Every structure is written in C-alpha cells, then in structure tokens.
Amino acid sequence: MLGISGDTPFSHAEFHKRHALPFPLLSDVHRSVIQAYGVWDEERNVAYRSTVVVDRDGKLRWLQSGDRLMTRSGAEIRRVLELIQRLRAAS
C-alpha cells in the first residue's frame, strides 16, 4: 500500500512523520499518475480524493474517486481487498 498525491516530497515527509503512517507516500508533482487514473481536476489543479486498488499483476481492480467533501469508507475498502484476496485464492 502507498499514498500518492501532487504534493512535494518535503510536504509528504512532514505529513508522514506527523501521522506516523505505516506506508510510503509518493509525490506526483508532474501529475502523471493522477492523470493516468483519471482523477485529476485540471481546472483546480488538484487530484480528487481517490482510492485505487491495483492487484499484484498490475491490473486495476477498483477505483473510487470524489471531491474533498466526499468521505471514503475504510470498511468498503477492506471489503474490496478481502474479495480480491478470495478471488485470487480461488483461481
């Protein structure tokens, strides 16, 4: 798991330290990843708050995106990850 945003590496380092995150943060200052996943609001030059699940084979399995005021559900993300795990185990 990792976090990606358009913030600078310096900003990420401070955020990571302040919140003691158990995963790395990657800086996408050139917006290439944000654009590739279609979650860039070009007019405001920001990424939509998004959760993207990519499996071990690099296949996009789930994407949820919305504006800043939309809340993401940790329970829903866990459900998706568990389902992907079960499907992988069954194949």
C-alpha atoms as a PDB file:
ATOM      1  CA  MET A   1       0.000   0.000   0.000  1.00  0.00           C
ATOM      2  CA  LEU A   2       1.165   3.515  -0.725  1.00  0.00           C
ATOM      3  CA  GLY A   3      -0.186   7.017  -0.930  1.00  0.00           C
ATOM      4  CA  ILE A   4       0.247   9.286  -3.938  1.00  0.00           C
ATOM      5  CA  SER A   5      -0.501  12.969  -4.265  1.00  0.00           C
ATOM      6  CA  GLY A   6       0.667  16.024  -6.145  1.00  0.00           C
ATOM      7  CA  ASP A   7       2.300  17.421  -3.018  1.00  0.00           C
ATOM      8  CA  THR A   8       6.072  17.840  -2.844  1.00  0.00           C
ATOM      9  CA  PRO A   9       8.384  15.217  -1.314  1.00  0.00           C
ATOM     10  CA  PHE A  10       9.117  17.685   1.531  1.00  0.00           C
ATOM     11  CA  SER A  11       5.395  18.047   2.268  1.00  0.00           C
ATOM     12  CA  HIS A  12       4.982  14.260   2.221  1.00  0.00           C
ATOM     13  CA  ALA A  13       7.888  13.757   4.611  1.00  0.00           C
ATOM     14  CA  GLU A  14       6.345  16.156   7.121  1.00  0.00           C
ATOM     15  CA  PHE A  15       2.851  14.616   6.757  1.00  0.00           C
ATOM     16  CA  HIS A  16       4.264  11.084   7.058  1.00  0.00           C
ATOM     17  CA  LYS A  17       6.199  11.996  10.187  1.00  0.00           C
ATOM     18  CA  ARG A  18       3.281  13.837  11.807  1.00  0.00           C
ATOM     19  CA  HIS A  19       0.814  10.971  11.242  1.00  0.00           C
ATOM     20  CA  ALA A  20       3.242   8.020  11.628  1.00  0.00           C
ATOM     21  CA  LEU A  21       1.832   6.334   8.531  1.00  0.00           C
ATOM     22  CA  PRO A  22       2.646   2.629   8.054  1.00  0.00           C
ATOM     23  CA  PHE A  23       3.057   3.056   4.275  1.00  0.00           C
ATOM     24  CA  PRO A  24       5.139   5.268   1.967  1.00  0.00           C
ATOM     25  CA  LEU A  25       3.918   8.443   0.267  1.00  0.00           C
ATOM     26  CA  LEU A  26       4.893   9.153  -3.327  1.00  0.00           C
ATOM     27  CA  SER A  27       4.986  12.612  -4.834  1.00  0.00           C
ATOM     28  CA  ASP A  28       3.343  13.118  -8.236  1.00  0.00           C
ATOM     29  CA  VAL A  29       4.238  16.778  -8.756  1.00  0.00           C
ATOM     30  CA  HIS A  30       4.065  16.333 -12.544  1.00  0.00           C
ATOM     31  CA  ARG A  31       0.542  14.835 -12.232  1.00  0.00           C
ATOM     32  CA  SER A  32       1.362  11.826 -14.446  1.00  0.00           C
ATOM     33  CA  VAL A  33      -0.134   9.160 -12.128  1.00  0.00           C
ATOM     34  CA  ILE A  34      -3.095  11.358 -11.223  1.00  0.00           C
ATOM     35  CA  GLN A  35      -3.831  11.891 -14.926  1.00  0.00           C
ATOM     36  CA  ALA A  36      -3.312   8.211 -15.809  1.00  0.00           C
ATOM     37  CA  TYR A  37      -6.007   7.176 -13.331  1.00  0.00           C
ATOM     38  CA  GLY A  38      -8.350   9.960 -14.463  1.00  0.00           C
ATOM     39  CA  VAL A  39      -8.628  11.583 -11.040  1.00  0.00           C
ATOM     40  CA  TRP A  40      -7.146  14.997 -11.861  1.00  0.00           C
ATOM     41  CA  ASP A  41      -9.336  18.087 -11.700  1.00  0.00           C
ATOM     42  CA  GLU A  42      -7.374  20.089 -14.249  1.00  0.00           C
ATOM     43  CA  GLU A  43      -9.359  23.277 -13.694  1.00  0.00           C
ATOM     44  CA  ARG A  44      -8.417  23.393  -9.988  1.00  0.00           C
ATOM     45  CA  ASN A  45      -5.051  21.619 -10.484  1.00  0.00           C
ATOM     46  CA  VAL A  46      -5.803  19.065  -7.759  1.00  0.00           C
ATOM     47  CA  ALA A  47      -6.470  15.348  -7.596  1.00  0.00           C
ATOM     48  CA  TYR A  48      -9.847  14.104  -6.497  1.00  0.00           C
ATOM     49  CA  ARG A  49      -9.688  12.170  -3.227  1.00  0.00           C
ATOM     50  CA  SER A  50      -9.354   8.652  -4.550  1.00  0.00           C
ATOM     51  CA  THR A  51      -8.672   5.082  -3.573  1.00  0.00           C
ATOM     52  CA  VAL A  52      -7.272   2.811  -6.268  1.00  0.00           C
ATOM     53  CA  VAL A  53      -6.756  -0.920  -5.840  1.00  0.00           C
ATOM     54  CA  VAL A  54      -4.286  -2.496  -8.240  1.00  0.00           C
ATOM     55  CA  ASP A  55      -3.625  -6.217  -7.904  1.00  0.00           C
ATOM     56  CA  ARG A  56      -0.231  -7.907  -7.834  1.00  0.00           C
ATOM     57  CA  ASP A  57      -0.373  -8.341 -11.607  1.00  0.00           C
ATOM     58  CA  GLY A  58      -0.796  -4.587 -12.100  1.00  0.00           C
ATOM     59  CA  LYS A  59      -4.469  -4.861 -13.066  1.00  0.00           C
ATOM     60  CA  LEU A  60      -6.804  -2.107 -11.891  1.00  0.00           C
ATOM     61  CA  ARG A  61      -9.388  -3.863  -9.725  1.00  0.00           C
ATOM     62  CA  TRP A  62     -11.294  -0.999  -8.086  1.00  0.00           C
ATOM     63  CA  LEU A  63     -11.309   2.787  -8.145  1.00  0.00           C
ATOM     64  CA  GLN A  64     -13.325   5.186  -6.038  1.00  0.00           C
ATOM     65  CA  SER A  65     -12.971   8.921  -6.527  1.00  0.00           C
ATOM     66  CA  GLY A  66     -14.755  12.034  -5.375  1.00  0.00           C
ATOM     67  CA  ASP A  67     -14.363  15.627  -4.301  1.00  0.00           C
ATOM     68  CA  ARG A  68     -12.770  16.665  -0.988  1.00  0.00           C
ATOM     69  CA  LEU A  69     -16.047  16.644   0.945  1.00  0.00           C
ATOM     70  CA  MET A  70     -16.860  13.052  -0.017  1.00  0.00           C
ATOM     71  CA  THR A  71     -15.895  10.545   2.644  1.00  0.00           C
ATOM     72  CA  ARG A  72     -14.177   7.274   1.777  1.00  0.00           C
ATOM     73  CA  SER A  73     -15.256   4.180   3.666  1.00  0.00           C
ATOM     74  CA  GLY A  74     -12.499   2.120   5.244  1.00  0.00           C
ATOM     75  CA  ALA A  75     -14.969  -0.742   5.634  1.00  0.00           C
ATOM     76  CA  GLU A  76     -15.735  -0.699   1.906  1.00  0.00           C
ATOM     77  CA  ILE A  77     -12.053  -0.665   1.001  1.00  0.00           C
ATOM     78  CA  ARG A  78     -11.433  -3.648   3.327  1.00  0.00           C
ATOM     79  CA  ARG A  79     -14.389  -5.492   1.753  1.00  0.00           C
ATOM     80  CA  VAL A  80     -12.937  -4.949  -1.738  1.00  0.00           C
ATOM     81  CA  LEU A  81      -9.467  -6.093  -0.669  1.00  0.00           C
ATOM     82  CA  GLU A  82     -10.850  -9.219   1.013  1.00  0.00           C
ATOM     83  CA  LEU A  83     -12.924 -10.066  -2.062  1.00  0.00           C
ATOM     84  CA  ILE A  84      -9.899  -9.690  -4.337  1.00  0.00           C
ATOM     85  CA  GLN A  85      -7.928 -11.957  -1.976  1.00  0.00           C
ATOM     86  CA  ARG A  86     -10.669 -14.622  -2.057  1.00  0.00           C
ATOM     87  CA  LEU A  87     -10.895 -14.455  -5.850  1.00  0.00           C
ATOM     88  CA  ARG A  88      -7.133 -14.811  -6.160  1.00  0.00           C
ATOM     89  CA  ALA A  89      -7.101 -17.793  -3.786  1.00  0.00           C
ATOM     90  CA  ALA A  90      -9.922 -19.481  -5.746  1.00  0.00           C
ATOM     91  CA  SER A  91      -8.125 -19.206  -9.091  1.00  0.00           C
END
